[in-house]
Amino acid sequence: MAGEKRKSRRKPICADGFLYALEGRQIGECHVKDISEGGAMLVRSSADELPSRFVLAFSRNGRVRRHCQIVWQAANHIGVRFTGTGTA
């Protein structure tokens, strides 16, 4: 089994997240299961396909947000890498 590849340790978190396309259109909601400096694990209620890059906001007003890239996906669980901050 391969060793841990993450550069920073993941911390459990229980937070709602709001997903936006890069151009700002809302594309859904999720639950943020764990988070680190470099990424997060998201859980969605549906396995609907997401774009490979999107914005994750931690509040509906989008004040705290991260640009994300999907690293892996298994059913409704998604691993993302943070690629920066920006506006949704």
N, C-alpha and C. Protein backbone atom coordinates (compact mmCIF):
# COMPACT_ATOMS: atom_id res chain seq x y z
N MET A 1 0.84 -1.18 0.00
CA MET A 1 0.00 0.00 0.00
C MET A 1 0.89 1.25 0.00
N ALA A 2 0.56 2.21 -0.81
CA ALA A 2 1.35 3.43 -0.92
C ALA A 2 1.22 4.26 0.34
N GLY A 3 2.28 5.00 0.68
CA GLY A 3 2.28 5.86 1.86
C GLY A 3 1.49 7.14 1.60
N GLU A 4 1.33 7.91 2.64
CA GLU A 4 0.62 9.18 2.57
C GLU A 4 1.35 10.13 1.62
N LYS A 5 0.62 10.73 0.67
CA LYS A 5 1.22 11.62 -0.31
C LYS A 5 0.94 13.09 -0.02
N ARG A 6 0.05 13.37 0.90
CA ARG A 6 -0.30 14.75 1.19
C ARG A 6 0.84 15.47 1.88
N LYS A 7 1.02 16.74 1.53
CA LYS A 7 2.07 17.55 2.13
C LYS A 7 1.66 18.05 3.51
N SER A 8 0.37 18.24 3.73
CA SER A 8 -0.11 18.71 5.04
C SER A 8 -1.23 17.80 5.52
N ARG A 9 -1.31 17.65 6.83
CA ARG A 9 -2.25 16.75 7.47
C ARG A 9 -3.69 17.23 7.32
N ARG A 10 -4.60 16.29 7.05
CA ARG A 10 -6.02 16.60 6.96
C ARG A 10 -6.63 16.66 8.35
N LYS A 11 -7.56 17.59 8.55
CA LYS A 11 -8.26 17.74 9.82
C LYS A 11 -9.75 17.50 9.58
N PRO A 12 -10.39 16.69 10.44
CA PRO A 12 -11.83 16.50 10.30
C PRO A 12 -12.55 17.83 10.47
N ILE A 13 -13.59 18.02 9.69
CA ILE A 13 -14.37 19.25 9.76
C ILE A 13 -15.81 18.87 9.42
N CYS A 14 -16.72 19.59 9.92
CA CYS A 14 -18.14 19.36 9.62
C CYS A 14 -18.70 20.69 9.13
N ALA A 15 -18.62 20.91 7.82
CA ALA A 15 -19.03 22.21 7.28
C ALA A 15 -19.77 22.01 5.96
N ASP A 16 -20.73 22.87 5.72
CA ASP A 16 -21.40 22.88 4.42
C ASP A 16 -20.54 23.66 3.44
N GLY A 17 -20.58 23.25 2.20
CA GLY A 17 -19.86 23.95 1.14
C GLY A 17 -20.79 24.22 -0.01
N PHE A 18 -20.47 25.24 -0.77
CA PHE A 18 -21.28 25.65 -1.91
C PHE A 18 -20.38 25.68 -3.13
N LEU A 19 -20.79 24.99 -4.18
CA LEU A 19 -19.95 24.81 -5.36
C LEU A 19 -20.39 25.73 -6.49
N TYR A 20 -19.41 26.36 -7.12
CA TYR A 20 -19.67 27.30 -8.22
C TYR A 20 -18.75 26.98 -9.39
N ALA A 21 -19.29 27.13 -10.60
CA ALA A 21 -18.45 27.06 -11.80
C ALA A 21 -17.50 28.25 -11.77
N LEU A 22 -16.42 28.17 -12.51
CA LEU A 22 -15.44 29.25 -12.51
C LEU A 22 -16.03 30.58 -12.95
N GLU A 23 -17.08 30.54 -13.79
CA GLU A 23 -17.71 31.80 -14.22
C GLU A 23 -18.74 32.32 -13.23
N GLY A 24 -18.97 31.59 -12.12
CA GLY A 24 -19.83 32.08 -11.06
C GLY A 24 -21.19 31.41 -10.90
N ARG A 25 -21.58 30.55 -11.84
CA ARG A 25 -22.87 29.86 -11.76
C ARG A 25 -22.84 28.80 -10.65
N GLN A 26 -23.87 28.80 -9.79
CA GLN A 26 -23.92 27.80 -8.72
C GLN A 26 -24.18 26.43 -9.33
N ILE A 27 -23.38 25.43 -8.87
CA ILE A 27 -23.54 24.08 -9.42
C ILE A 27 -23.90 23.05 -8.36
N GLY A 28 -24.05 23.46 -7.11
CA GLY A 28 -24.49 22.51 -6.09
C GLY A 28 -23.95 22.82 -4.71
N GLU A 29 -24.25 21.89 -3.82
CA GLU A 29 -23.80 21.99 -2.44
C GLU A 29 -23.06 20.71 -2.08
N CYS A 30 -22.32 20.75 -0.99
CA CYS A 30 -21.60 19.57 -0.54
C CYS A 30 -21.39 19.67 0.97
N HIS A 31 -20.83 18.62 1.51
CA HIS A 31 -20.40 18.58 2.91
C HIS A 31 -18.88 18.43 2.87
N VAL A 32 -18.17 19.29 3.58
CA VAL A 32 -16.71 19.20 3.65
C VAL A 32 -16.38 18.27 4.81
N LYS A 33 -15.85 17.10 4.49
CA LYS A 33 -15.59 16.08 5.50
C LYS A 33 -14.26 16.29 6.21
N ASP A 34 -13.23 16.63 5.44
CA ASP A 34 -11.94 16.96 6.04
C ASP A 34 -11.22 17.96 5.15
N ILE A 35 -10.21 18.63 5.74
CA ILE A 35 -9.55 19.73 5.03
C ILE A 35 -8.10 19.83 5.47
N SER A 36 -7.26 20.33 4.57
CA SER A 36 -5.86 20.62 4.89
C SER A 36 -5.50 21.92 4.17
N GLU A 37 -4.25 22.33 4.31
CA GLU A 37 -3.80 23.52 3.58
C GLU A 37 -3.93 23.34 2.09
N GLY A 38 -3.73 22.12 1.62
CA GLY A 38 -3.68 21.88 0.18
C GLY A 38 -4.92 21.32 -0.47
N GLY A 39 -5.92 20.87 0.33
CA GLY A 39 -7.08 20.26 -0.29
C GLY A 39 -8.13 19.84 0.71
N ALA A 40 -9.12 19.09 0.21
CA ALA A 40 -10.23 18.67 1.06
C ALA A 40 -10.90 17.43 0.47
N MET A 41 -11.68 16.77 1.32
CA MET A 41 -12.57 15.71 0.85
C MET A 41 -13.99 16.24 0.97
N LEU A 42 -14.71 16.18 -0.14
CA LEU A 42 -16.09 16.65 -0.19
C LEU A 42 -17.01 15.45 -0.35
N VAL A 43 -18.20 15.57 0.21
CA VAL A 43 -19.22 14.54 0.04
C VAL A 43 -20.46 15.23 -0.50
N ARG A 44 -21.01 14.67 -1.57
CA ARG A 44 -22.23 15.22 -2.17
C ARG A 44 -23.36 14.22 -1.99
N SER A 45 -24.58 14.73 -1.94
CA SER A 45 -25.74 13.84 -1.79
C SER A 45 -26.03 13.10 -3.09
N SER A 46 -25.53 13.61 -4.21
CA SER A 46 -25.71 12.92 -5.48
C SER A 46 -24.34 12.73 -6.13
N ALA A 47 -24.27 11.82 -7.07
CA ALA A 47 -23.02 11.55 -7.76
C ALA A 47 -22.98 12.30 -9.09
N ASP A 48 -23.72 13.40 -9.21
CA ASP A 48 -23.72 14.19 -10.43
C ASP A 48 -22.29 14.60 -10.79
N GLU A 49 -22.02 14.64 -12.07
CA GLU A 49 -20.68 15.00 -12.53
C GLU A 49 -20.40 16.48 -12.27
N LEU A 50 -19.19 16.76 -11.84
CA LEU A 50 -18.73 18.13 -11.63
C LEU A 50 -17.67 18.46 -12.67
N PRO A 51 -17.50 19.74 -12.97
CA PRO A 51 -16.36 20.11 -13.83
C PRO A 51 -15.06 19.79 -13.10
N SER A 52 -13.98 19.62 -13.83
CA SER A 52 -12.70 19.26 -13.20
C SER A 52 -12.16 20.38 -12.33
N ARG A 53 -12.55 21.62 -12.61
CA ARG A 53 -12.15 22.78 -11.80
C ARG A 53 -13.40 23.57 -11.43
N PHE A 54 -13.46 24.01 -10.18
CA PHE A 54 -14.61 24.77 -9.70
C PHE A 54 -14.20 25.56 -8.47
N VAL A 55 -15.13 26.34 -7.94
CA VAL A 55 -14.87 27.13 -6.74
C VAL A 55 -15.69 26.55 -5.60
N LEU A 56 -15.04 26.35 -4.45
CA LEU A 56 -15.70 25.89 -3.22
C LEU A 56 -15.81 27.08 -2.29
N ALA A 57 -17.05 27.44 -1.93
CA ALA A 57 -17.27 28.53 -0.97
C ALA A 57 -17.73 27.91 0.33
N PHE A 58 -17.27 28.50 1.44
CA PHE A 58 -17.62 27.97 2.76
C PHE A 58 -18.79 28.72 3.39
N SER A 59 -19.38 29.64 2.63
CA SER A 59 -20.60 30.33 3.06
C SER A 59 -21.35 30.75 1.80
N ARG A 60 -22.63 30.97 1.93
CA ARG A 60 -23.42 31.36 0.76
C ARG A 60 -22.96 32.68 0.15
N ASN A 61 -22.41 33.58 0.97
CA ASN A 61 -21.96 34.85 0.43
C ASN A 61 -20.59 34.72 -0.24
N GLY A 62 -19.92 33.60 -0.11
CA GLY A 62 -18.68 33.34 -0.81
C GLY A 62 -17.47 34.10 -0.30
N ARG A 63 -17.53 34.63 0.89
CA ARG A 63 -16.39 35.41 1.41
C ARG A 63 -15.15 34.55 1.60
N VAL A 64 -15.33 33.31 2.02
CA VAL A 64 -14.21 32.38 2.15
C VAL A 64 -14.39 31.33 1.07
N ARG A 65 -13.44 31.26 0.14
CA ARG A 65 -13.59 30.34 -0.99
C ARG A 65 -12.21 29.90 -1.47
N ARG A 66 -12.22 28.78 -2.17
CA ARG A 66 -10.99 28.22 -2.73
C ARG A 66 -11.29 27.69 -4.13
N HIS A 67 -10.37 27.95 -5.04
CA HIS A 67 -10.44 27.31 -6.35
C HIS A 67 -9.96 25.88 -6.15
N CYS A 68 -10.65 24.93 -6.79
CA CYS A 68 -10.35 23.51 -6.59
C CYS A 68 -10.17 22.80 -7.92
N GLN A 69 -9.37 21.74 -7.85
CA GLN A 69 -9.24 20.82 -8.97
C GLN A 69 -9.49 19.42 -8.42
N ILE A 70 -10.32 18.65 -9.11
CA ILE A 70 -10.60 17.29 -8.67
C ILE A 70 -9.36 16.42 -8.87
N VAL A 71 -8.98 15.70 -7.80
CA VAL A 71 -7.85 14.79 -7.85
C VAL A 71 -8.35 13.36 -7.97
N TRP A 72 -9.41 13.04 -7.25
CA TRP A 72 -10.02 11.71 -7.34
C TRP A 72 -11.51 11.82 -7.04
N GLN A 73 -12.27 10.83 -7.49
CA GLN A 73 -13.71 10.80 -7.23
C GLN A 73 -14.15 9.35 -7.15
N ALA A 74 -14.93 9.03 -6.12
CA ALA A 74 -15.49 7.70 -5.94
C ALA A 74 -16.93 7.87 -5.50
N ALA A 75 -17.86 7.59 -6.40
CA ALA A 75 -19.29 7.80 -6.14
C ALA A 75 -19.52 9.25 -5.74
N ASN A 76 -20.01 9.49 -4.53
CA ASN A 76 -20.31 10.87 -4.11
C ASN A 76 -19.21 11.48 -3.24
N HIS A 77 -18.05 10.85 -3.12
CA HIS A 77 -16.90 11.39 -2.40
C HIS A 77 -15.90 11.94 -3.41
N ILE A 78 -15.37 13.14 -3.15
CA ILE A 78 -14.49 13.82 -4.09
C ILE A 78 -13.28 14.37 -3.34
N GLY A 79 -12.11 14.07 -3.82
CA GLY A 79 -10.88 14.65 -3.29
C GLY A 79 -10.45 15.80 -4.18
N VAL A 80 -10.23 16.97 -3.58
CA VAL A 80 -9.83 18.14 -4.37
C VAL A 80 -8.52 18.72 -3.86
N ARG A 81 -7.80 19.34 -4.77
CA ARG A 81 -6.59 20.09 -4.45
C ARG A 81 -6.94 21.57 -4.60
N PHE A 82 -6.54 22.38 -3.63
CA PHE A 82 -6.76 23.83 -3.72
C PHE A 82 -5.73 24.40 -4.68
N THR A 83 -6.20 25.20 -5.63
CA THR A 83 -5.31 25.78 -6.62
C THR A 83 -5.18 27.29 -6.43
N GLY A 84 -5.85 27.85 -5.42
CA GLY A 84 -5.76 29.28 -5.16
C GLY A 84 -7.06 29.82 -4.61
N THR A 85 -7.15 31.13 -4.49
CA THR A 85 -8.36 31.79 -4.06
C THR A 85 -8.85 32.66 -5.20
N GLY A 86 -10.06 33.09 -5.12
CA GLY A 86 -10.60 33.96 -6.17
C GLY A 86 -12.06 34.21 -5.96
N THR A 87 -12.66 34.92 -6.88
CA THR A 87 -14.08 35.24 -6.77
C THR A 87 -14.90 34.20 -7.50
N ALA A 88 -16.07 33.96 -6.98
CA ALA A 88 -16.99 33.01 -7.60
C ALA A 88 -18.01 33.76 -8.41
